[in-house]
Amino acid sequence: MIAVTPSIALADSELDERFLRSPGPGGQNVNKVATAVQLRFDVERSPSLPLPVKRRLVRLAGRRMSNEGVLTIEAHRFRTRERNREDALERLVELIRKAAHQPKLRRKNKPTRASKERRLESKHRRARDKGLRGSPRWED
């Protein structure tokens, strides 16, 4: 079990890992050893995630989410399979944690009458001060 939040834990069986050749650094083994990791997580069929978290996760994942509801994370920053595997898992957990955080609802409000008057008064004051900076006008 992978603990994501106190209320969300993923079973190891929900994750599918595939190893492929990495386009990143690798030295002599770059064309021989499959060190890159492709981590797949089926968001739509996951029993571990509540529905609101699934919806937010789909929105956060963007193009990493397939039409079938499978989230794919590729990791190839490191030279070893183990580090890439850890990196992919960390990124998945972080993404689910972000999705688990419920955003605060914004309540619409109107500025008070007094604040509108203060704003307009400061604008009039500022305009008057700027007007006094100009060259003097000579009237006949």
N, C-alpha and C. Protein backbone atom coordinates (compact mmCIF):
# COMPACT_ATOMS: atom_id res chain seq x y z
N MET A 1 0.83 -1.19 0.00
CA MET A 1 0.00 0.00 0.00
C MET A 1 0.88 1.25 0.00
N ILE A 2 0.47 2.21 -0.80
CA ILE A 2 1.18 3.48 -0.90
C ILE A 2 0.30 4.54 -0.27
N ALA A 3 0.75 5.11 0.84
CA ALA A 3 -0.03 6.14 1.54
C ALA A 3 0.14 7.47 0.81
N VAL A 4 -0.98 8.04 0.39
CA VAL A 4 -0.97 9.32 -0.30
C VAL A 4 -1.36 10.43 0.68
N THR A 5 -2.51 10.27 1.30
CA THR A 5 -2.98 11.17 2.35
C THR A 5 -3.47 10.28 3.49
N PRO A 6 -3.84 10.86 4.63
CA PRO A 6 -4.35 10.01 5.71
C PRO A 6 -5.59 9.19 5.31
N SER A 7 -6.38 9.70 4.37
CA SER A 7 -7.60 8.98 3.98
C SER A 7 -7.47 8.24 2.65
N ILE A 8 -6.39 8.45 1.91
CA ILE A 8 -6.22 7.82 0.59
C ILE A 8 -4.94 6.99 0.58
N ALA A 9 -5.09 5.72 0.19
CA ALA A 9 -3.94 4.83 0.02
C ALA A 9 -4.17 4.02 -1.24
N LEU A 10 -3.12 3.87 -2.04
CA LEU A 10 -3.21 3.12 -3.29
C LEU A 10 -2.64 1.72 -3.11
N ALA A 11 -3.32 0.74 -3.66
CA ALA A 11 -2.80 -0.63 -3.64
C ALA A 11 -1.75 -0.75 -4.74
N ASP A 12 -0.74 -1.57 -4.48
CA ASP A 12 0.32 -1.78 -5.48
C ASP A 12 -0.25 -2.37 -6.77
N SER A 13 -1.34 -3.13 -6.66
CA SER A 13 -1.93 -3.77 -7.83
C SER A 13 -2.60 -2.76 -8.77
N GLU A 14 -2.87 -1.55 -8.28
CA GLU A 14 -3.50 -0.53 -9.12
C GLU A 14 -2.51 0.14 -10.07
N LEU A 15 -1.22 -0.04 -9.82
CA LEU A 15 -0.19 0.59 -10.64
C LEU A 15 0.38 -0.41 -11.63
N ASP A 16 0.63 0.05 -12.83
CA ASP A 16 1.22 -0.78 -13.87
C ASP A 16 2.51 -0.10 -14.32
N GLU A 17 3.62 -0.80 -14.18
CA GLU A 17 4.91 -0.23 -14.57
C GLU A 17 5.43 -0.94 -15.81
N ARG A 18 5.97 -0.15 -16.72
CA ARG A 18 6.63 -0.69 -17.90
C ARG A 18 7.98 0.00 -18.00
N PHE A 19 8.97 -0.76 -18.41
CA PHE A 19 10.31 -0.21 -18.54
C PHE A 19 10.68 -0.15 -20.01
N LEU A 20 11.23 1.00 -20.41
CA LEU A 20 11.61 1.18 -21.81
C LEU A 20 12.94 1.91 -21.89
N ARG A 21 13.50 1.96 -23.06
CA ARG A 21 14.78 2.64 -23.23
C ARG A 21 14.61 4.14 -23.04
N SER A 22 15.54 4.69 -22.33
CA SER A 22 15.46 6.09 -21.95
C SER A 22 16.13 6.99 -22.98
N PRO A 23 15.51 8.13 -23.30
CA PRO A 23 16.16 9.09 -24.19
C PRO A 23 17.19 9.94 -23.44
N GLY A 24 17.20 9.82 -22.11
CA GLY A 24 18.08 10.64 -21.29
C GLY A 24 19.46 10.04 -21.14
N PRO A 25 20.22 10.48 -20.13
CA PRO A 25 21.58 10.02 -19.92
C PRO A 25 21.63 8.55 -19.57
N GLY A 26 22.72 7.89 -19.92
CA GLY A 26 22.84 6.47 -19.62
C GLY A 26 24.25 5.95 -19.84
N GLY A 27 25.10 6.72 -20.47
CA GLY A 27 26.47 6.27 -20.70
C GLY A 27 26.52 5.12 -21.69
N GLN A 28 27.31 4.12 -21.36
CA GLN A 28 27.50 2.99 -22.27
C GLN A 28 26.24 2.14 -22.41
N ASN A 29 25.37 2.19 -21.40
CA ASN A 29 24.19 1.33 -21.41
C ASN A 29 22.98 1.96 -22.07
N VAL A 30 23.11 3.17 -22.62
CA VAL A 30 21.95 3.90 -23.09
C VAL A 30 21.15 3.15 -24.15
N ASN A 31 21.80 2.38 -24.99
CA ASN A 31 21.08 1.66 -26.04
C ASN A 31 20.83 0.19 -25.71
N LYS A 32 21.18 -0.22 -24.48
CA LYS A 32 21.05 -1.63 -24.12
C LYS A 32 20.07 -1.88 -22.98
N VAL A 33 20.00 -0.96 -22.02
CA VAL A 33 19.24 -1.20 -20.80
C VAL A 33 18.00 -0.32 -20.77
N ALA A 34 16.88 -0.92 -20.43
CA ALA A 34 15.62 -0.18 -20.33
C ALA A 34 15.53 0.43 -18.93
N THR A 35 15.93 1.70 -18.80
CA THR A 35 15.93 2.35 -17.49
C THR A 35 14.77 3.31 -17.30
N ALA A 36 14.13 3.76 -18.37
CA ALA A 36 13.00 4.68 -18.24
C ALA A 36 11.78 3.91 -17.74
N VAL A 37 10.93 4.58 -16.98
CA VAL A 37 9.74 3.95 -16.41
C VAL A 37 8.50 4.65 -16.94
N GLN A 38 7.53 3.86 -17.34
CA GLN A 38 6.21 4.39 -17.71
C GLN A 38 5.23 3.83 -16.68
N LEU A 39 4.76 4.72 -15.80
CA LEU A 39 3.84 4.33 -14.73
C LEU A 39 2.43 4.64 -15.18
N ARG A 40 1.57 3.63 -15.14
CA ARG A 40 0.18 3.81 -15.56
C ARG A 40 -0.74 3.55 -14.36
N PHE A 41 -1.72 4.45 -14.19
CA PHE A 41 -2.67 4.36 -13.09
C PHE A 41 -4.06 4.61 -13.65
N ASP A 42 -4.94 3.63 -13.51
CA ASP A 42 -6.31 3.74 -14.03
C ASP A 42 -7.16 4.52 -13.04
N VAL A 43 -7.33 5.80 -13.31
CA VAL A 43 -8.05 6.69 -12.41
C VAL A 43 -9.54 6.33 -12.39
N GLU A 44 -10.13 6.08 -13.54
CA GLU A 44 -11.57 5.83 -13.64
C GLU A 44 -11.99 4.59 -12.85
N ARG A 45 -11.19 3.55 -12.86
CA ARG A 45 -11.56 2.29 -12.21
C ARG A 45 -10.95 2.11 -10.82
N SER A 46 -10.29 3.13 -10.31
CA SER A 46 -9.62 3.01 -9.02
C SER A 46 -10.63 3.07 -7.87
N PRO A 47 -10.65 2.04 -7.01
CA PRO A 47 -11.55 2.08 -5.86
C PRO A 47 -10.99 2.94 -4.71
N SER A 48 -9.74 3.34 -4.81
CA SER A 48 -9.09 4.08 -3.73
C SER A 48 -9.44 5.57 -3.71
N LEU A 49 -9.86 6.10 -4.86
CA LEU A 49 -10.09 7.54 -4.94
C LEU A 49 -11.57 7.88 -4.91
N PRO A 50 -11.97 8.85 -4.09
CA PRO A 50 -13.35 9.34 -4.13
C PRO A 50 -13.62 10.09 -5.44
N LEU A 51 -14.88 10.18 -5.81
CA LEU A 51 -15.26 10.80 -7.09
C LEU A 51 -14.77 12.24 -7.24
N PRO A 52 -14.91 13.12 -6.22
CA PRO A 52 -14.40 14.50 -6.41
C PRO A 52 -12.90 14.55 -6.67
N VAL A 53 -12.14 13.67 -6.02
CA VAL A 53 -10.69 13.63 -6.22
C VAL A 53 -10.39 13.16 -7.64
N LYS A 54 -11.14 12.19 -8.13
CA LYS A 54 -10.95 11.71 -9.50
C LYS A 54 -11.16 12.84 -10.50
N ARG A 55 -12.23 13.61 -10.29
CA ARG A 55 -12.53 14.72 -11.21
C ARG A 55 -11.41 15.75 -11.22
N ARG A 56 -10.94 16.13 -10.02
CA ARG A 56 -9.86 17.11 -9.95
C ARG A 56 -8.57 16.55 -10.54
N LEU A 57 -8.33 15.26 -10.35
CA LEU A 57 -7.12 14.63 -10.88
C LEU A 57 -7.13 14.62 -12.41
N VAL A 58 -8.29 14.36 -12.99
CA VAL A 58 -8.41 14.38 -14.46
C VAL A 58 -8.09 15.77 -14.98
N ARG A 59 -8.59 16.79 -14.28
CA ARG A 59 -8.35 18.17 -14.72
C ARG A 59 -6.87 18.55 -14.54
N LEU A 60 -6.26 18.13 -13.45
CA LEU A 60 -4.85 18.45 -13.19
C LEU A 60 -3.90 17.70 -14.12
N ALA A 61 -4.26 16.48 -14.48
CA ALA A 61 -3.36 15.64 -15.28
C ALA A 61 -3.19 16.17 -16.70
N GLY A 62 -4.21 16.77 -17.25
CA GLY A 62 -4.11 17.33 -18.60
C GLY A 62 -3.86 16.28 -19.65
N ARG A 63 -2.80 16.45 -20.44
CA ARG A 63 -2.55 15.55 -21.56
C ARG A 63 -1.93 14.23 -21.13
N ARG A 64 -1.58 14.09 -19.85
CA ARG A 64 -1.08 12.82 -19.35
C ARG A 64 -2.20 11.80 -19.16
N MET A 65 -3.45 12.27 -19.24
CA MET A 65 -4.62 11.41 -19.07
C MET A 65 -5.11 10.97 -20.43
N SER A 66 -5.35 9.66 -20.58
CA SER A 66 -5.87 9.14 -21.86
C SER A 66 -7.40 9.24 -21.88
N ASN A 67 -7.98 8.98 -23.02
CA ASN A 67 -9.44 9.02 -23.15
C ASN A 67 -10.11 7.94 -22.31
N GLU A 68 -9.39 6.84 -22.03
CA GLU A 68 -9.94 5.74 -21.24
C GLU A 68 -9.84 6.01 -19.75
N GLY A 69 -9.24 7.13 -19.35
CA GLY A 69 -9.11 7.48 -17.94
C GLY A 69 -7.88 6.91 -17.28
N VAL A 70 -6.84 6.64 -18.07
CA VAL A 70 -5.59 6.11 -17.53
C VAL A 70 -4.56 7.22 -17.50
N LEU A 71 -3.98 7.44 -16.33
CA LEU A 71 -2.95 8.45 -16.13
C LEU A 71 -1.59 7.81 -16.38
N THR A 72 -0.80 8.42 -17.26
CA THR A 72 0.52 7.88 -17.60
C THR A 72 1.60 8.89 -17.22
N ILE A 73 2.55 8.42 -16.43
CA ILE A 73 3.68 9.26 -16.03
C ILE A 73 4.96 8.57 -16.50
N GLU A 74 5.77 9.31 -17.26
CA GLU A 74 7.04 8.77 -17.73
C GLU A 74 8.17 9.43 -16.97
N ALA A 75 9.12 8.62 -16.53
CA ALA A 75 10.27 9.13 -15.78
C ALA A 75 11.54 8.60 -16.41
N HIS A 76 12.41 9.51 -16.82
CA HIS A 76 13.69 9.11 -17.40
C HIS A 76 14.80 10.11 -17.07
N ARG A 77 14.65 10.78 -15.92
CA ARG A 77 15.64 11.77 -15.52
C ARG A 77 16.94 11.16 -15.03
N PHE A 78 16.85 9.95 -14.48
CA PHE A 78 18.01 9.34 -13.84
C PHE A 78 18.53 8.17 -14.66
N ARG A 79 19.74 7.72 -14.32
CA ARG A 79 20.37 6.63 -15.07
C ARG A 79 19.92 5.25 -14.62
N THR A 80 19.40 5.15 -13.42
CA THR A 80 19.02 3.83 -12.92
C THR A 80 17.51 3.64 -12.94
N ARG A 81 17.13 2.40 -13.11
CA ARG A 81 15.72 2.03 -13.15
C ARG A 81 15.05 2.33 -11.81
N GLU A 82 15.74 2.06 -10.72
CA GLU A 82 15.17 2.25 -9.39
C GLU A 82 14.85 3.72 -9.11
N ARG A 83 15.79 4.61 -9.45
CA ARG A 83 15.55 6.05 -9.21
C ARG A 83 14.43 6.57 -10.09
N ASN A 84 14.37 6.12 -11.34
CA ASN A 84 13.28 6.54 -12.22
C ASN A 84 11.94 6.02 -11.70
N ARG A 85 11.96 4.82 -11.16
CA ARG A 85 10.74 4.25 -10.60
C ARG A 85 10.26 5.07 -9.41
N GLU A 86 11.18 5.43 -8.51
CA GLU A 86 10.85 6.27 -7.35
C GLU A 86 10.35 7.64 -7.80
N ASP A 87 11.00 8.21 -8.81
CA ASP A 87 10.63 9.52 -9.32
C ASP A 87 9.20 9.51 -9.87
N ALA A 88 8.86 8.49 -10.65
CA ALA A 88 7.52 8.40 -11.21
C ALA A 88 6.48 8.25 -10.11
N LEU A 89 6.78 7.44 -9.11
CA LEU A 89 5.85 7.23 -8.00
C LEU A 89 5.67 8.50 -7.18
N GLU A 90 6.77 9.22 -6.93
CA GLU A 90 6.69 10.50 -6.19
C GLU A 90 5.82 11.50 -6.94
N ARG A 91 5.99 11.56 -8.26
CA ARG A 91 5.20 12.50 -9.06
C ARG A 91 3.72 12.13 -9.05
N LEU A 92 3.40 10.84 -9.09
CA LEU A 92 2.01 10.40 -9.02
C LEU A 92 1.40 10.76 -7.68
N VAL A 93 2.11 10.48 -6.60
CA VAL A 93 1.61 10.77 -5.26
C VAL A 93 1.39 12.27 -5.09
N GLU A 94 2.32 13.08 -5.58
CA GLU A 94 2.18 14.53 -5.47
C GLU A 94 0.97 15.04 -6.24
N LEU A 95 0.74 14.48 -7.42
CA LEU A 95 -0.41 14.87 -8.23
C LEU A 95 -1.72 14.50 -7.54
N ILE A 96 -1.78 13.32 -6.93
CA ILE A 96 -2.99 12.90 -6.22
C ILE A 96 -3.20 13.75 -4.98
N ARG A 97 -2.11 14.12 -4.29
CA ARG A 97 -2.24 15.01 -3.12
C ARG A 97 -2.82 16.36 -3.52
N LYS A 98 -2.35 16.89 -4.66
CA LYS A 98 -2.91 18.16 -5.15
C LYS A 98 -4.39 18.03 -5.44
N ALA A 99 -4.77 16.91 -6.05
CA ALA A 99 -6.18 16.68 -6.39
C ALA A 99 -7.02 16.46 -5.14
N ALA A 100 -6.43 15.92 -4.09
CA ALA A 100 -7.17 15.65 -2.86
C ALA A 100 -7.47 16.92 -2.09
N HIS A 101 -6.69 17.96 -2.34
CA HIS A 101 -6.92 19.23 -1.65
C HIS A 101 -8.11 19.94 -2.28
N GLN A 102 -9.16 20.13 -1.50
CA GLN A 102 -10.36 20.77 -2.02
C GLN A 102 -10.17 22.28 -2.01
N PRO A 103 -10.31 22.94 -3.17
CA PRO A 103 -10.12 24.39 -3.20
C PRO A 103 -11.24 25.12 -2.46
N LYS A 104 -10.89 26.23 -1.87
CA LYS A 104 -11.85 27.03 -1.13
C LYS A 104 -12.78 27.72 -2.12
N LEU A 105 -14.08 27.67 -1.85
CA LEU A 105 -15.05 28.30 -2.75
C LEU A 105 -14.97 29.81 -2.63
N ARG A 106 -15.01 30.48 -3.75
CA ARG A 106 -14.98 31.94 -3.77
C ARG A 106 -16.40 32.46 -3.65
N ARG A 107 -16.58 33.35 -2.71
CA ARG A 107 -17.90 33.97 -2.56
C ARG A 107 -17.84 35.36 -3.18
N LYS A 108 -18.79 35.63 -4.04
CA LYS A 108 -18.84 36.94 -4.67
C LYS A 108 -19.24 37.98 -3.62
N ASN A 109 -18.63 39.14 -3.69
CA ASN A 109 -19.02 40.23 -2.80
C ASN A 109 -18.88 41.55 -3.54
N LYS A 110 -19.56 42.56 -3.03
CA LYS A 110 -19.53 43.87 -3.67
C LYS A 110 -18.76 44.83 -2.78
N PRO A 111 -18.06 45.78 -3.40
CA PRO A 111 -17.40 46.79 -2.57
C PRO A 111 -18.44 47.67 -1.88
N THR A 112 -18.13 48.11 -0.67
CA THR A 112 -19.08 48.95 0.07
C THR A 112 -19.16 50.33 -0.56
N ARG A 113 -20.20 51.03 -0.24
CA ARG A 113 -20.39 52.38 -0.77
C ARG A 113 -19.26 53.30 -0.31
N ALA A 114 -18.86 53.16 0.94
CA ALA A 114 -17.79 53.99 1.48
C ALA A 114 -16.46 53.72 0.76
N SER A 115 -16.17 52.44 0.45
CA SER A 115 -14.91 52.13 -0.23
C SER A 115 -14.92 52.68 -1.66
N LYS A 116 -16.10 52.68 -2.30
CA LYS A 116 -16.20 53.28 -3.65
C LYS A 116 -15.92 54.78 -3.57
N GLU A 117 -16.51 55.43 -2.56
CA GLU A 117 -16.30 56.87 -2.42
C GLU A 117 -14.83 57.19 -2.13
N ARG A 118 -14.20 56.40 -1.27
CA ARG A 118 -12.78 56.62 -0.97
C ARG A 118 -11.93 56.46 -2.22
N ARG A 119 -12.23 55.44 -3.02
CA ARG A 119 -11.48 55.20 -4.26
C ARG A 119 -11.64 56.38 -5.21
N LEU A 120 -12.87 56.86 -5.40
CA LEU A 120 -13.09 57.99 -6.30
C LEU A 120 -12.44 59.26 -5.79
N GLU A 121 -12.49 59.48 -4.47
CA GLU A 121 -11.86 60.66 -3.89
C GLU A 121 -10.35 60.64 -4.11
N SER A 122 -9.73 59.48 -3.94
CA SER A 122 -8.28 59.40 -4.16
C SER A 122 -7.95 59.62 -5.64
N LYS A 123 -8.82 59.16 -6.53
CA LYS A 123 -8.60 59.40 -7.97
C LYS A 123 -8.69 60.89 -8.28
N HIS A 124 -9.66 61.59 -7.69
CA HIS A 124 -9.81 63.04 -7.92
C HIS A 124 -8.58 63.78 -7.39
N ARG A 125 -8.12 63.36 -6.19
CA ARG A 125 -6.94 63.99 -5.60
C ARG A 125 -5.72 63.79 -6.49
N ARG A 126 -5.54 62.58 -6.96
CA ARG A 126 -4.39 62.25 -7.80
C ARG A 126 -4.45 63.03 -9.12
N ALA A 127 -5.63 63.13 -9.72
CA ALA A 127 -5.79 63.87 -10.97
C ALA A 127 -5.49 65.36 -10.76
N ARG A 128 -5.95 65.91 -9.63
CA ARG A 128 -5.70 67.32 -9.34
C ARG A 128 -4.20 67.57 -9.18
N ASP A 129 -3.51 66.68 -8.44
CA ASP A 129 -2.07 66.84 -8.24
C ASP A 129 -1.33 66.77 -9.57
N LYS A 130 -1.72 65.86 -10.42
CA LYS A 130 -1.05 65.74 -11.72
C LYS A 130 -1.34 66.94 -12.60
N GLY A 131 -2.56 67.48 -12.51
CA GLY A 131 -2.92 68.64 -13.30
C GLY A 131 -2.12 69.87 -12.92
N LEU A 132 -1.74 69.96 -11.65
CA LEU A 132 -0.95 71.10 -11.19
C LEU A 132 0.49 71.05 -11.68
N ARG A 133 0.95 69.89 -12.13
CA ARG A 133 2.33 69.75 -12.59
C ARG A 133 2.56 70.35 -13.98
N GLY A 134 1.52 70.54 -14.73
CA GLY A 134 1.67 71.03 -16.10
C GLY A 134 2.12 72.48 -16.15
N SER A 135 2.43 72.94 -17.34
CA SER A 135 2.85 74.33 -17.49
C SER A 135 1.63 75.24 -17.25
N PRO A 136 1.88 76.42 -16.70
CA PRO A 136 0.75 77.32 -16.40
C PRO A 136 0.05 77.79 -17.68
N ARG A 137 -1.24 77.93 -17.59
CA ARG A 137 -2.02 78.37 -18.75
C ARG A 137 -2.21 79.88 -18.67
N TRP A 138 -2.00 80.55 -19.74
CA TRP A 138 -2.18 81.99 -19.80
C TRP A 138 -3.51 82.28 -20.45
N GLU A 139 -4.37 82.89 -19.69
CA GLU A 139 -5.69 83.19 -20.25
C GLU A 139 -5.74 84.70 -20.53
N ASP A 140 -6.40 85.08 -21.63
CA ASP A 140 -6.49 86.50 -22.02
C ASP A 140 -7.65 87.18 -21.37
